[in-house]
Amino acid sequence: MVTNDNMFIAFKHKVLEHVAKLAWNDNLDEDHLDRLKYELIPGPKPVYRCCIYKEREVVSERIRLARGKNTIANPDSNNVVQVLQAACDQCPISTYTVTDNCRLCLGKACLSSCQFGAVSIGDKRSHIDPNKCRECGKCAAACPYGVIVHLVRPCKKVCPVGAISFDENGFCVIDETKCINCGHCIHSCPFGAISSKTYLVQIIQAIKSGKKVIAMCAPSIEGQYGEDVTLQSIKNALLKIGFADMVEVGLGGDIVAAAESAEWSEAKKEGRKMTTSCCPAFISMLKKNYPDQYRENMSEVVSPMCAVSRYLKYKDPECVTVFIGPCIAKKSETLDKSVKGNADYAITFGELRVLLRSKDIEFERTDEQYQESSVWGKRFASAGGVANAVIQCMKERGEDTSDIKLYKATGALECKKALALLKAGRLSEDFIEGMACPDGCVGGPSNHRAPAEIHKAREKLLNNADDRSILKNLESHPIDKFSLLRNEGDTE
């Protein structure tokens, strides 16, 4: 994904790659991990921070996250997204600042407007004492020149649920009761001070132990690595790594669409509104901030990732399932043990490339074709794809869908708006499809390319897929043998 944080993402992936290589070679002991810090930051001059000692401390924290562990400052955290305190010290503590355009006017409106004694008059401009400032904004409103600016730290600015605050030392603090693990803060931080736990080590150890580890690729993977990298190319590379098999989660899209379409039909008859989504960040937003609507309006069907995992575990209860996608929140979904049979691990597209590099494997072009889902299931990756697939299932059953009203909420702020309308009883639409990322999963935080490039490559790849229907495609799969409800496991 092309962002302004490429330097930090590249370094993060470099750390991950080295840790993965140590895991392949059974060298994850403290001696090798300690030496890794000096290998990555040899010195004597720093590259990223003020000194090599701070750089090595940041690397130590990244190594912990690379092993699926919490940072030192958050030993009891249940969050996937975490703050690296050693990297979080460059943003201003005070959010209101007087710029150099201050004219030291005679009116002194800033001084007289402050009720907390935070404003003082200097030789060249006014000053705001961050220890006294209560961030009321009255000084900024009073300044006739508009020279007092409100500096919102980028992590706080992009958080859609207000989960980010700052302690007395200016360090970023994530409120885990609010955080939906969407990962937007990770890529907004210009200092690389927010990251997520990674489970490559656990996956490598499972493969090395001889377990049957199966990769499950998100629908948005098509187009991530260009139009020449097909699903078969990806499958071949995964088999070389040591995965026992690969299944596209677009099949799970078909399964979920069929199950949710039955829910929609029933809700439509009852006049009951519903929310539907394969997006765990949207579901977490709904559950934490709109608990009544979660209980009353949320679909009871599991996500496509969970559906495929249950399908695979029905066939082989001992298998280990690994989701590969653009989503940080999917990692959090796998940690929710209240949902039985879910994927064991989730990794991002960037982490997949790290895994490939750790074994010196590249994607190779092939004329072979692999397809396990309908195009409708594949299009779950884009905004509106879930709802369109559900409606398609209803049409395939011969139902009239002409009067269905949809609210396709794309982006976290649009999701909040839709849910607020639902809570207030002012939602005119029948169903909400929520995607916390703009443009759906294709616009996810851990995509490998810019969305425009992904769309272009995806369309060419999807145009080569056959036009099988959803319900016909599912006839060859034993979906009646396992439950698709969130709070249930196998039916047998």
Protein backbone atom coordinates (compact mmCIF):
# COMPACT_ATOMS: atom_id res chain seq x y z
CA MET A 1 0.00 0.00 0.00
CA VAL A 2 1.45 3.38 -0.97
CA THR A 3 1.43 5.60 2.14
CA ASN A 4 3.64 8.14 3.83
CA ASP A 5 4.86 5.50 6.29
CA ASN A 6 6.73 3.28 3.84
CA MET A 7 10.03 3.66 5.73
CA PHE A 8 8.56 2.37 8.98
CA ILE A 9 6.53 -0.40 7.34
CA ALA A 10 9.63 -1.54 5.43
CA PHE A 11 11.63 -1.64 8.65
CA LYS A 12 8.84 -3.42 10.51
CA HIS A 13 8.77 -6.07 7.78
CA LYS A 14 12.56 -6.34 7.96
CA VAL A 15 12.29 -7.15 11.66
CA LEU A 16 9.51 -9.66 10.95
CA GLU A 17 11.57 -11.34 8.24
CA HIS A 18 14.57 -11.79 10.54
CA VAL A 19 12.37 -13.17 13.33
CA ALA A 20 10.70 -15.54 10.86
CA LYS A 21 14.09 -16.83 9.71
CA LEU A 22 15.07 -17.45 13.31
CA ALA A 23 11.83 -19.37 13.78
CA TRP A 24 12.48 -21.56 10.73
CA ASN A 25 15.94 -22.36 12.14
CA ASP A 26 14.74 -22.95 15.75
CA ASN A 27 16.84 -20.00 16.95
CA LEU A 28 14.28 -18.00 18.92
CA ASP A 29 16.35 -18.09 22.11
CA GLU A 30 17.21 -14.90 24.00
CA ASP A 31 20.82 -14.91 22.77
CA HIS A 32 19.83 -14.85 19.09
CA LEU A 33 17.05 -12.30 19.70
CA ASP A 34 19.42 -10.02 21.58
CA ARG A 35 22.01 -10.23 18.83
CA LEU A 36 19.29 -9.42 16.29
CA LYS A 37 18.95 -5.91 17.77
CA TYR A 38 22.60 -5.18 17.02
CA GLU A 39 22.37 -6.74 13.59
CA LEU A 40 19.43 -4.51 12.67
CA ILE A 41 20.86 -1.41 14.37
CA PRO A 42 24.66 -1.75 14.05
CA GLY A 43 25.43 1.94 14.71
CA PRO A 44 27.41 3.94 15.51
CA LYS A 45 25.13 6.57 13.96
CA PRO A 46 21.33 6.41 14.21
CA VAL A 47 19.14 6.18 11.11
CA TYR A 48 15.61 6.72 12.40
CA ARG A 49 15.80 8.19 15.93
CA CYS A 50 17.95 10.47 18.03
CA CYS A 51 20.34 7.70 19.04
CA ILE A 52 21.04 4.02 18.41
CA TYR A 53 19.97 3.15 21.97
CA LYS A 54 16.44 4.37 21.35
CA GLU A 55 16.44 2.61 17.99
CA ARG A 56 17.43 -0.65 19.65
CA GLU A 57 14.70 -0.23 22.28
CA VAL A 58 12.14 0.22 19.51
CA VAL A 59 13.50 -2.88 17.77
CA SER A 60 13.18 -4.84 21.03
CA GLU A 61 9.50 -3.93 21.18
CA ARG A 62 8.99 -4.81 17.53
CA ILE A 63 10.59 -8.20 18.13
CA ARG A 64 8.12 -8.82 20.96
CA LEU A 65 5.17 -7.93 18.72
CA ALA A 66 6.65 -10.08 15.94
CA ARG A 67 6.44 -13.05 18.32
CA GLY A 68 2.80 -12.32 19.20
CA LYS A 69 3.72 -10.85 22.59
CA ASN A 70 2.65 -7.61 24.26
CA THR A 71 4.94 -4.62 24.58
CA ILE A 72 6.76 -4.14 27.90
CA ALA A 73 4.51 -1.20 28.81
CA ASN A 74 1.31 -3.24 28.22
CA PRO A 75 1.98 -6.69 29.71
CA ASP A 76 -1.69 -7.45 30.41
CA SER A 77 -3.16 -6.07 27.19
CA ASN A 78 -5.73 -8.02 25.19
CA ASN A 79 -5.40 -5.68 22.20
CA VAL A 80 -3.84 -6.58 18.89
CA VAL A 81 -2.97 -2.92 18.20
CA GLN A 82 -0.34 -1.62 20.63
CA VAL A 83 1.81 1.46 21.27
CA LEU A 84 5.60 1.36 21.21
CA GLN A 85 6.37 3.98 23.86
CA ALA A 86 10.02 4.31 22.87
CA ALA A 87 8.89 5.54 19.45
CA CYS A 88 6.07 7.76 20.75
CA ASP A 89 7.78 10.93 21.97
CA GLN A 90 7.95 13.41 19.12
CA CYS A 91 4.40 14.78 18.95
CA PRO A 92 3.61 18.00 20.85
CA ILE A 93 1.96 17.51 24.23
CA SER A 94 -0.09 20.69 23.87
CA THR A 95 -2.68 20.61 21.11
CA TYR A 96 -3.07 24.41 21.03
CA THR A 97 0.01 26.27 19.79
CA VAL A 98 0.79 29.88 18.90
CA THR A 99 2.44 30.14 15.48
CA ASP A 100 5.13 32.62 14.41
CA ASN A 101 2.46 34.73 12.71
CA CYS A 102 1.50 36.20 16.11
CA ARG A 103 1.67 40.03 15.92
CA LEU A 104 1.73 40.71 19.67
CA CYS A 105 -1.35 42.89 19.17
CA LEU A 106 -2.35 45.41 21.82
CA GLY A 107 -5.74 43.76 22.38
CA LYS A 108 -4.20 40.60 23.90
CA ALA A 109 -7.47 38.73 23.26
CA CYS A 110 -5.74 35.38 23.79
CA LEU A 111 -4.54 36.42 27.23
CA SER A 112 -7.87 37.78 28.41
CA SER A 113 -9.85 34.82 27.04
CA CYS A 114 -7.91 32.16 28.97
CA GLN A 115 -9.46 31.27 32.32
CA PHE A 116 -6.62 28.98 33.40
CA GLY A 117 -3.59 31.29 33.20
CA ALA A 118 -2.05 29.21 30.42
CA VAL A 119 -1.36 32.15 28.08
CA SER A 120 1.62 34.45 28.58
CA ILE A 121 3.13 37.21 26.44
CA GLY A 122 6.69 36.74 25.21
CA ASP A 123 9.11 39.02 23.38
CA LYS A 124 8.00 37.95 19.90
CA ARG A 125 4.71 36.08 20.37
CA SER A 126 2.29 34.70 22.90
CA HIS A 127 2.95 31.35 24.53
CA ILE A 128 0.67 28.57 25.84
CA ASP A 129 1.84 26.55 28.84
CA PRO A 130 0.83 22.93 28.10
CA ASN A 131 0.79 22.16 31.84
CA LYS A 132 -1.93 24.73 32.45
CA CYS A 133 -3.84 24.52 29.16
CA ARG A 134 -7.22 22.75 29.41
CA GLU A 135 -7.69 22.71 25.63
CA CYS A 136 -10.94 24.67 25.75
CA GLY A 137 -10.07 26.46 22.51
CA LYS A 138 -11.19 29.90 23.69
CA CYS A 139 -7.83 31.52 22.89
CA ALA A 140 -7.92 30.22 19.31
CA ALA A 141 -11.47 31.50 18.88
CA ALA A 142 -10.55 34.90 20.31
CA CYS A 143 -7.40 35.56 18.25
CA PRO A 144 -8.28 38.09 15.51
CA TYR A 145 -5.47 36.79 13.27
CA GLY A 146 -6.23 33.09 13.69
CA VAL A 147 -2.60 32.37 14.56
CA ILE A 148 -3.41 29.88 17.35
CA VAL A 149 -3.75 26.45 15.79
CA HIS A 150 -5.25 23.24 17.08
CA LEU A 151 -2.80 20.43 16.43
CA VAL A 152 -4.60 17.10 16.58
CA ARG A 153 -2.17 14.22 16.72
CA PRO A 154 -2.62 12.01 13.64
CA CYS A 155 -3.39 8.82 15.57
CA LYS A 156 -6.18 10.52 17.50
CA LYS A 157 -7.47 12.23 14.37
CA VAL A 158 -8.11 9.01 12.44
CA CYS A 159 -9.54 6.95 15.32
CA PRO A 160 -13.25 6.58 14.53
CA VAL A 161 -14.31 5.58 18.05
CA GLY A 162 -12.36 7.98 20.27
CA ALA A 163 -10.17 5.23 21.71
CA ILE A 164 -6.95 7.25 21.73
CA SER A 165 -5.85 9.66 24.46
CA PHE A 166 -2.49 10.70 25.94
CA ASP A 167 -0.98 10.33 29.39
CA GLU A 168 0.82 13.01 31.40
CA ASN A 169 4.05 12.27 29.53
CA GLY A 170 2.44 12.65 26.13
CA PHE A 171 2.48 8.94 25.31
CA CYS A 172 -0.40 7.59 23.23
CA VAL A 173 -2.83 5.45 25.25
CA ILE A 174 -5.37 3.11 23.63
CA ASP A 175 -8.62 2.50 25.48
CA GLU A 176 -9.22 -1.19 24.84
CA THR A 177 -12.88 -0.91 25.86
CA LYS A 178 -13.40 1.37 22.86
CA CYS A 179 -10.77 0.19 20.36
CA ILE A 180 -12.11 -1.81 17.40
CA ASN A 181 -8.62 -2.78 16.14
CA CYS A 182 -9.29 -1.26 12.73
CA GLY A 183 -5.58 -0.39 12.42
CA HIS A 184 -6.09 3.07 10.96
CA CYS A 185 -3.89 4.62 13.67
CA ILE A 186 -0.98 2.34 12.70
CA HIS A 187 -0.57 3.84 9.27
CA SER A 188 -1.35 7.40 10.36
CA CYS A 189 1.50 7.67 12.87
CA PRO A 190 4.51 9.35 11.17
CA PHE A 191 6.86 7.94 13.80
CA GLY A 192 5.85 4.29 13.48
CA ALA A 193 4.87 4.27 17.16
CA ILE A 194 1.77 2.10 16.79
CA SER A 195 1.89 -1.45 15.51
CA SER A 196 0.14 -4.80 15.83
CA LYS A 197 0.99 -8.23 17.14
CA THR A 198 1.94 -10.78 14.51
CA TYR A 199 1.61 -14.56 14.56
CA LEU A 200 4.11 -15.69 11.93
CA VAL A 201 6.20 -17.49 14.56
CA GLN A 202 3.24 -19.58 15.73
CA ILE A 203 2.34 -20.45 12.12
CA ILE A 204 5.92 -21.46 11.31
CA GLN A 205 6.09 -23.61 14.43
CA ALA A 206 2.82 -25.31 13.49
CA ILE A 207 4.14 -26.08 10.00
CA LYS A 208 7.46 -27.37 11.36
CA SER A 209 5.66 -29.60 13.88
CA GLY A 210 3.92 -31.43 11.03
CA LYS A 211 0.42 -30.06 11.62
CA LYS A 212 -1.93 -29.65 8.68
CA VAL A 213 -1.86 -25.86 8.27
CA ILE A 214 -4.32 -24.51 5.70
CA ALA A 215 -4.21 -20.98 4.30
CA MET A 216 -7.46 -19.13 3.72
CA CYS A 217 -7.05 -16.19 1.34
CA ALA A 218 -9.40 -13.22 1.56
CA PRO A 219 -11.34 -12.25 -1.58
CA SER A 220 -9.33 -9.02 -1.76
CA ILE A 221 -6.10 -10.95 -2.40
CA GLU A 222 -6.85 -11.02 -6.13
CA GLY A 223 -5.16 -7.94 -7.54
CA GLN A 224 -2.94 -7.29 -4.53
CA TYR A 225 0.21 -8.43 -6.29
CA GLY A 226 -0.70 -7.47 -9.85
CA GLU A 227 -2.72 -9.09 -12.60
CA ASP A 228 -0.09 -11.75 -13.30
CA VAL A 229 -0.37 -13.22 -9.79
CA THR A 230 -3.45 -15.44 -9.87
CA LEU A 231 -4.97 -17.48 -7.05
CA GLN A 232 -3.17 -20.51 -8.42
CA SER A 233 0.14 -18.60 -8.30
CA ILE A 234 -0.54 -17.75 -4.66
CA LYS A 235 -1.55 -21.32 -3.85
CA ASN A 236 1.62 -22.72 -5.41
CA ALA A 237 3.76 -20.33 -3.34
CA LEU A 238 1.93 -21.23 -0.13
CA LEU A 239 2.45 -24.94 -0.77
CA LYS A 240 6.18 -24.28 -1.18
CA ILE A 241 6.24 -22.54 2.21
CA GLY A 242 4.77 -25.66 3.79
CA PHE A 243 1.03 -25.05 3.94
CA ALA A 244 -0.96 -28.21 3.36
CA ASP A 245 -3.56 -26.45 1.21
CA MET A 246 -5.17 -23.12 0.35
CA VAL A 247 -8.86 -22.20 0.12
CA GLU A 248 -10.26 -18.89 -1.09
CA VAL A 249 -12.50 -17.21 1.46
CA GLY A 250 -14.76 -16.13 -1.39
CA LEU A 251 -16.29 -19.59 -0.80
CA GLY A 252 -17.10 -18.39 2.70
CA GLY A 253 -18.68 -15.35 1.08
CA ASP A 254 -21.00 -17.65 -0.86
CA ILE A 255 -21.83 -19.62 2.29
CA VAL A 256 -22.55 -16.48 4.33
CA ALA A 257 -24.57 -14.87 1.55
CA ALA A 258 -26.82 -17.93 1.34
CA ALA A 259 -27.33 -18.04 5.12
CA GLU A 260 -27.87 -14.31 5.52
CA SER A 261 -30.32 -14.20 2.64
CA ALA A 262 -32.63 -16.47 4.66
CA GLU A 263 -32.27 -14.08 7.62
CA TRP A 264 -33.03 -11.09 5.42
CA SER A 265 -36.14 -12.73 4.02
CA GLU A 266 -37.46 -13.41 7.52
CA ALA A 267 -36.58 -9.93 8.77
CA LYS A 268 -38.22 -8.35 5.73
CA LYS A 269 -41.48 -10.17 6.50
CA GLU A 270 -41.32 -9.05 10.13
CA GLY A 271 -40.45 -5.45 9.26
CA ARG A 272 -37.24 -5.76 11.26
CA LYS A 273 -34.08 -3.95 10.23
CA MET A 274 -30.76 -5.78 10.07
CA THR A 275 -27.07 -5.07 9.95
CA THR A 276 -24.79 -7.36 8.01
CA SER A 277 -21.07 -7.31 7.50
CA CYS A 278 -18.00 -9.47 7.13
CA CYS A 279 -16.04 -6.62 8.72
CA PRO A 280 -14.91 -7.38 12.31
CA ALA A 281 -14.16 -3.70 13.00
CA PHE A 282 -17.75 -2.79 12.11
CA ILE A 283 -19.09 -5.62 14.28
CA SER A 284 -16.85 -4.52 17.17
CA MET A 285 -18.06 -0.93 16.75
CA LEU A 286 -21.65 -2.17 16.86
CA LYS A 287 -21.06 -4.43 19.87
CA LYS A 288 -19.15 -1.88 21.98
CA ASN A 289 -21.03 1.30 21.12
CA TYR A 290 -24.52 0.10 20.18
CA PRO A 291 -25.10 -3.02 22.32
CA ASP A 292 -28.90 -2.93 21.97
CA GLN A 293 -28.67 -2.79 18.18
CA TYR A 294 -26.05 -5.55 18.25
CA ARG A 295 -28.51 -7.83 20.07
CA GLU A 296 -31.58 -6.83 18.09
CA ASN A 297 -30.34 -6.14 14.56
CA MET A 298 -27.03 -7.92 13.99
CA SER A 299 -26.94 -10.94 11.71
CA GLU A 300 -26.36 -14.16 13.63
CA VAL A 301 -24.26 -15.62 10.82
CA VAL A 302 -20.48 -15.87 11.21
CA SER A 303 -18.01 -14.07 8.96
CA PRO A 304 -16.78 -15.72 5.72
CA MET A 305 -13.43 -16.34 7.40
CA CYS A 306 -15.10 -18.26 10.23
CA ALA A 307 -17.41 -20.08 7.81
CA VAL A 308 -14.47 -21.46 5.81
CA SER A 309 -12.56 -22.32 8.98
CA ARG A 310 -15.54 -24.29 10.34
CA TYR A 311 -15.88 -26.03 6.98
CA LEU A 312 -12.21 -27.07 7.06
CA LYS A 313 -12.35 -28.10 10.72
CA TYR A 314 -15.45 -30.17 10.00
CA LYS A 315 -13.43 -32.10 7.42
CA ASP A 316 -10.36 -32.30 9.66
CA PRO A 317 -10.78 -31.21 13.32
CA GLU A 318 -6.99 -31.21 13.84
CA CYS A 319 -6.15 -28.76 11.06
CA VAL A 320 -4.80 -25.26 11.74
CA THR A 321 -6.44 -22.48 9.73
CA VAL A 322 -4.68 -19.23 8.80
CA PHE A 323 -6.51 -16.25 7.29
CA ILE A 324 -4.54 -14.00 4.91
CA GLY A 325 -6.02 -10.58 4.21
CA PRO A 326 -5.68 -6.79 4.41
CA CYS A 327 -7.23 -6.51 7.85
CA ILE A 328 -5.76 -5.87 11.31
CA ALA A 329 -9.14 -6.44 12.96
CA LYS A 330 -9.23 -10.04 11.65
CA LYS A 331 -6.37 -10.80 14.06
CA SER A 332 -8.62 -9.64 16.88
CA GLU A 333 -11.48 -11.77 15.53
CA THR A 334 -9.33 -14.91 15.73
CA LEU A 335 -8.64 -14.16 19.41
CA ASP A 336 -12.35 -14.09 20.26
CA LYS A 337 -12.73 -17.54 21.78
CA SER A 338 -16.48 -17.08 22.22
CA VAL A 339 -16.81 -17.85 18.50
CA LYS A 340 -16.03 -21.54 18.11
CA GLY A 341 -14.23 -22.95 15.10
CA ASN A 342 -12.86 -19.63 13.92
CA ALA A 343 -9.52 -19.23 12.17
CA ASP A 344 -6.57 -19.97 14.43
CA TYR A 345 -4.43 -17.11 13.10
CA ALA A 346 -4.69 -14.13 10.77
CA ILE A 347 -1.88 -12.38 8.91
CA THR A 348 -1.80 -9.45 6.51
CA PHE A 349 -0.75 -9.36 2.87
CA GLY A 350 2.49 -7.64 3.88
CA GLU A 351 3.16 -10.38 6.43
CA LEU A 352 2.58 -12.97 3.69
CA ARG A 353 5.34 -11.34 1.65
CA VAL A 354 7.57 -11.48 4.72
CA LEU A 355 6.82 -15.19 5.08
CA LEU A 356 7.70 -15.75 1.41
CA ARG A 357 10.98 -13.84 1.71
CA SER A 358 11.92 -15.79 4.83
CA LYS A 359 12.00 -18.90 2.62
CA ASP A 360 13.30 -17.14 -0.55
CA ILE A 361 10.07 -17.90 -2.41
CA GLU A 362 8.51 -15.69 -5.09
CA PHE A 363 5.14 -15.76 -6.82
CA GLU A 364 5.47 -17.44 -10.21
CA ARG A 365 3.23 -17.02 -13.22
CA THR A 366 1.15 -20.07 -14.16
CA ASP A 367 -1.49 -21.00 -16.71
CA GLU A 368 -3.31 -23.18 -14.17
CA GLN A 369 -6.62 -21.88 -12.85
CA TYR A 370 -8.06 -22.15 -9.36
CA GLN A 371 -11.58 -21.05 -8.46
CA GLU A 372 -13.71 -22.20 -5.56
CA SER A 373 -16.19 -19.36 -5.18
CA SER A 374 -18.61 -17.46 -7.36
CA VAL A 375 -17.75 -13.98 -8.55
CA TRP A 376 -20.32 -12.77 -6.03
CA GLY A 377 -18.25 -14.28 -3.23
CA LYS A 378 -15.10 -12.77 -4.68
CA ARG A 379 -16.71 -9.32 -4.67
CA PHE A 380 -17.22 -9.43 -0.91
CA ALA A 381 -13.93 -7.49 -0.91
CA SER A 382 -15.55 -4.31 -2.23
CA ALA A 383 -18.08 -1.99 -0.61
CA GLY A 384 -21.58 -3.26 -1.33
CA GLY A 385 -20.30 -6.74 -2.18
CA VAL A 386 -21.87 -8.45 0.82
CA ALA A 387 -25.31 -6.93 0.26
CA ASN A 388 -25.20 -7.60 -3.47
CA ALA A 389 -24.37 -11.27 -2.88
CA VAL A 390 -27.19 -11.65 -0.34
CA ILE A 391 -29.68 -10.10 -2.74
CA GLN A 392 -28.38 -12.35 -5.52
CA CYS A 393 -29.14 -15.41 -3.38
CA MET A 394 -32.67 -14.14 -2.81
CA LYS A 395 -33.07 -13.71 -6.56
CA GLU A 396 -31.74 -17.22 -7.18
CA ARG A 397 -34.47 -18.47 -4.85
CA GLY A 398 -37.05 -16.61 -6.91
CA GLU A 399 -37.76 -13.85 -4.37
CA ASP A 400 -38.71 -10.31 -5.31
CA THR A 401 -36.00 -7.89 -4.13
CA SER A 402 -37.13 -4.77 -5.97
CA ASP A 403 -38.34 -3.01 -2.81
CA ILE A 404 -35.26 -3.67 -0.63
CA LYS A 405 -33.60 -0.51 0.62
CA LEU A 406 -29.90 -0.74 1.45
CA TYR A 407 -27.56 1.51 3.40
CA LYS A 408 -24.05 0.73 2.15
CA ALA A 409 -21.83 2.29 4.80
CA THR A 410 -18.21 2.46 3.66
CA GLY A 411 -15.64 3.95 6.03
CA ALA A 412 -15.87 4.07 9.82
CA LEU A 413 -17.51 7.50 10.00
CA GLU A 414 -20.26 6.43 7.60
CA CYS A 415 -20.75 3.29 9.71
CA LYS A 416 -21.17 5.43 12.83
CA LYS A 417 -23.72 7.57 11.04
CA ALA A 418 -25.75 4.56 9.92
CA LEU A 419 -25.72 3.00 13.39
CA ALA A 420 -26.67 6.29 15.03
CA LEU A 421 -29.68 6.52 12.71
CA LEU A 422 -30.60 2.92 13.54
CA LYS A 423 -30.36 3.61 17.27
CA ALA A 424 -32.47 6.75 16.96
CA GLY A 425 -35.13 4.89 14.97
CA ARG A 426 -34.57 7.18 11.99
CA LEU A 427 -33.06 4.69 9.55
CA SER A 428 -35.24 4.55 6.45
CA GLU A 429 -33.33 1.66 4.87
CA ASP A 430 -34.04 -2.00 5.63
CA PHE A 431 -30.48 -3.29 5.88
CA ILE A 432 -27.06 -1.86 6.71
CA GLU A 433 -23.86 -3.22 5.22
CA GLY A 434 -20.93 -1.81 7.16
CA MET A 435 -17.28 -1.69 6.11
CA ALA A 436 -14.93 0.19 8.45
CA CYS A 437 -12.44 0.86 5.65
CA PRO A 438 -13.20 3.20 2.73
CA ASP A 439 -14.05 1.13 -0.35
CA GLY A 440 -14.33 -2.01 1.75
CA CYS A 441 -11.52 -4.54 2.19
CA VAL A 442 -9.86 -3.33 -1.00
CA GLY A 443 -9.21 -0.12 0.94
CA GLY A 444 -7.98 -1.97 4.04
CA PRO A 445 -5.09 -0.69 6.18
CA SER A 446 -2.67 -3.46 5.21
CA ASN A 447 -3.17 -3.63 1.48
CA HIS A 448 -0.09 -4.25 -0.61
CA ARG A 449 -0.83 -1.64 -3.27
CA ALA A 450 -2.83 1.53 -3.79
CA PRO A 451 -6.59 0.83 -4.18
CA ALA A 452 -6.68 2.11 -7.77
CA GLU A 453 -3.96 -0.36 -8.79
CA ILE A 454 -5.69 -3.19 -6.96
CA HIS A 455 -9.03 -2.45 -8.65
CA LYS A 456 -7.45 -2.47 -12.10
CA ALA A 457 -5.71 -5.80 -11.56
CA ARG A 458 -8.78 -7.30 -9.81
CA GLU A 459 -11.12 -6.55 -12.67
CA LYS A 460 -8.89 -8.38 -15.14
CA LEU A 461 -8.56 -11.39 -12.84
CA LEU A 462 -12.27 -11.49 -11.98
CA ASN A 463 -13.22 -11.23 -15.64
CA ASN A 464 -11.43 -14.54 -16.17
CA ALA A 465 -13.58 -16.29 -13.53
CA ASP A 466 -16.57 -18.39 -14.56
CA ASP A 467 -20.13 -17.23 -13.92
CA ARG A 468 -21.30 -20.00 -11.55
CA SER A 469 -24.27 -19.10 -9.37
CA ILE A 470 -23.94 -18.95 -5.59
CA LEU A 471 -26.46 -21.62 -4.63
CA LYS A 472 -25.34 -24.01 -7.38
CA ASN A 473 -21.74 -23.60 -6.24
CA LEU A 474 -22.66 -24.59 -2.69
CA GLU A 475 -24.34 -27.86 -3.69
CA SER A 476 -20.97 -29.61 -3.73
CA HIS A 477 -20.06 -28.51 -0.19
CA PRO A 478 -21.46 -30.05 3.04
CA ILE A 479 -22.55 -26.74 4.56
CA ASP A 480 -25.42 -28.43 6.42
CA LYS A 481 -22.91 -30.37 8.53
CA PHE A 482 -21.66 -27.41 10.57
CA SER A 483 -23.30 -24.40 12.18
CA LEU A 484 -23.09 -20.92 10.71
CA LEU A 485 -24.33 -19.18 13.84
CA ARG A 486 -21.91 -17.04 15.83
CA ASN A 487 -22.54 -18.73 19.16
CA GLU A 488 -22.55 -22.31 17.98
CA GLY A 489 -20.02 -24.84 16.71
CA ASP A 490 -20.45 -28.11 14.85
CA THR A 491 -23.92 -29.56 14.48
CA GLU A 492 -22.68 -33.10 14.97
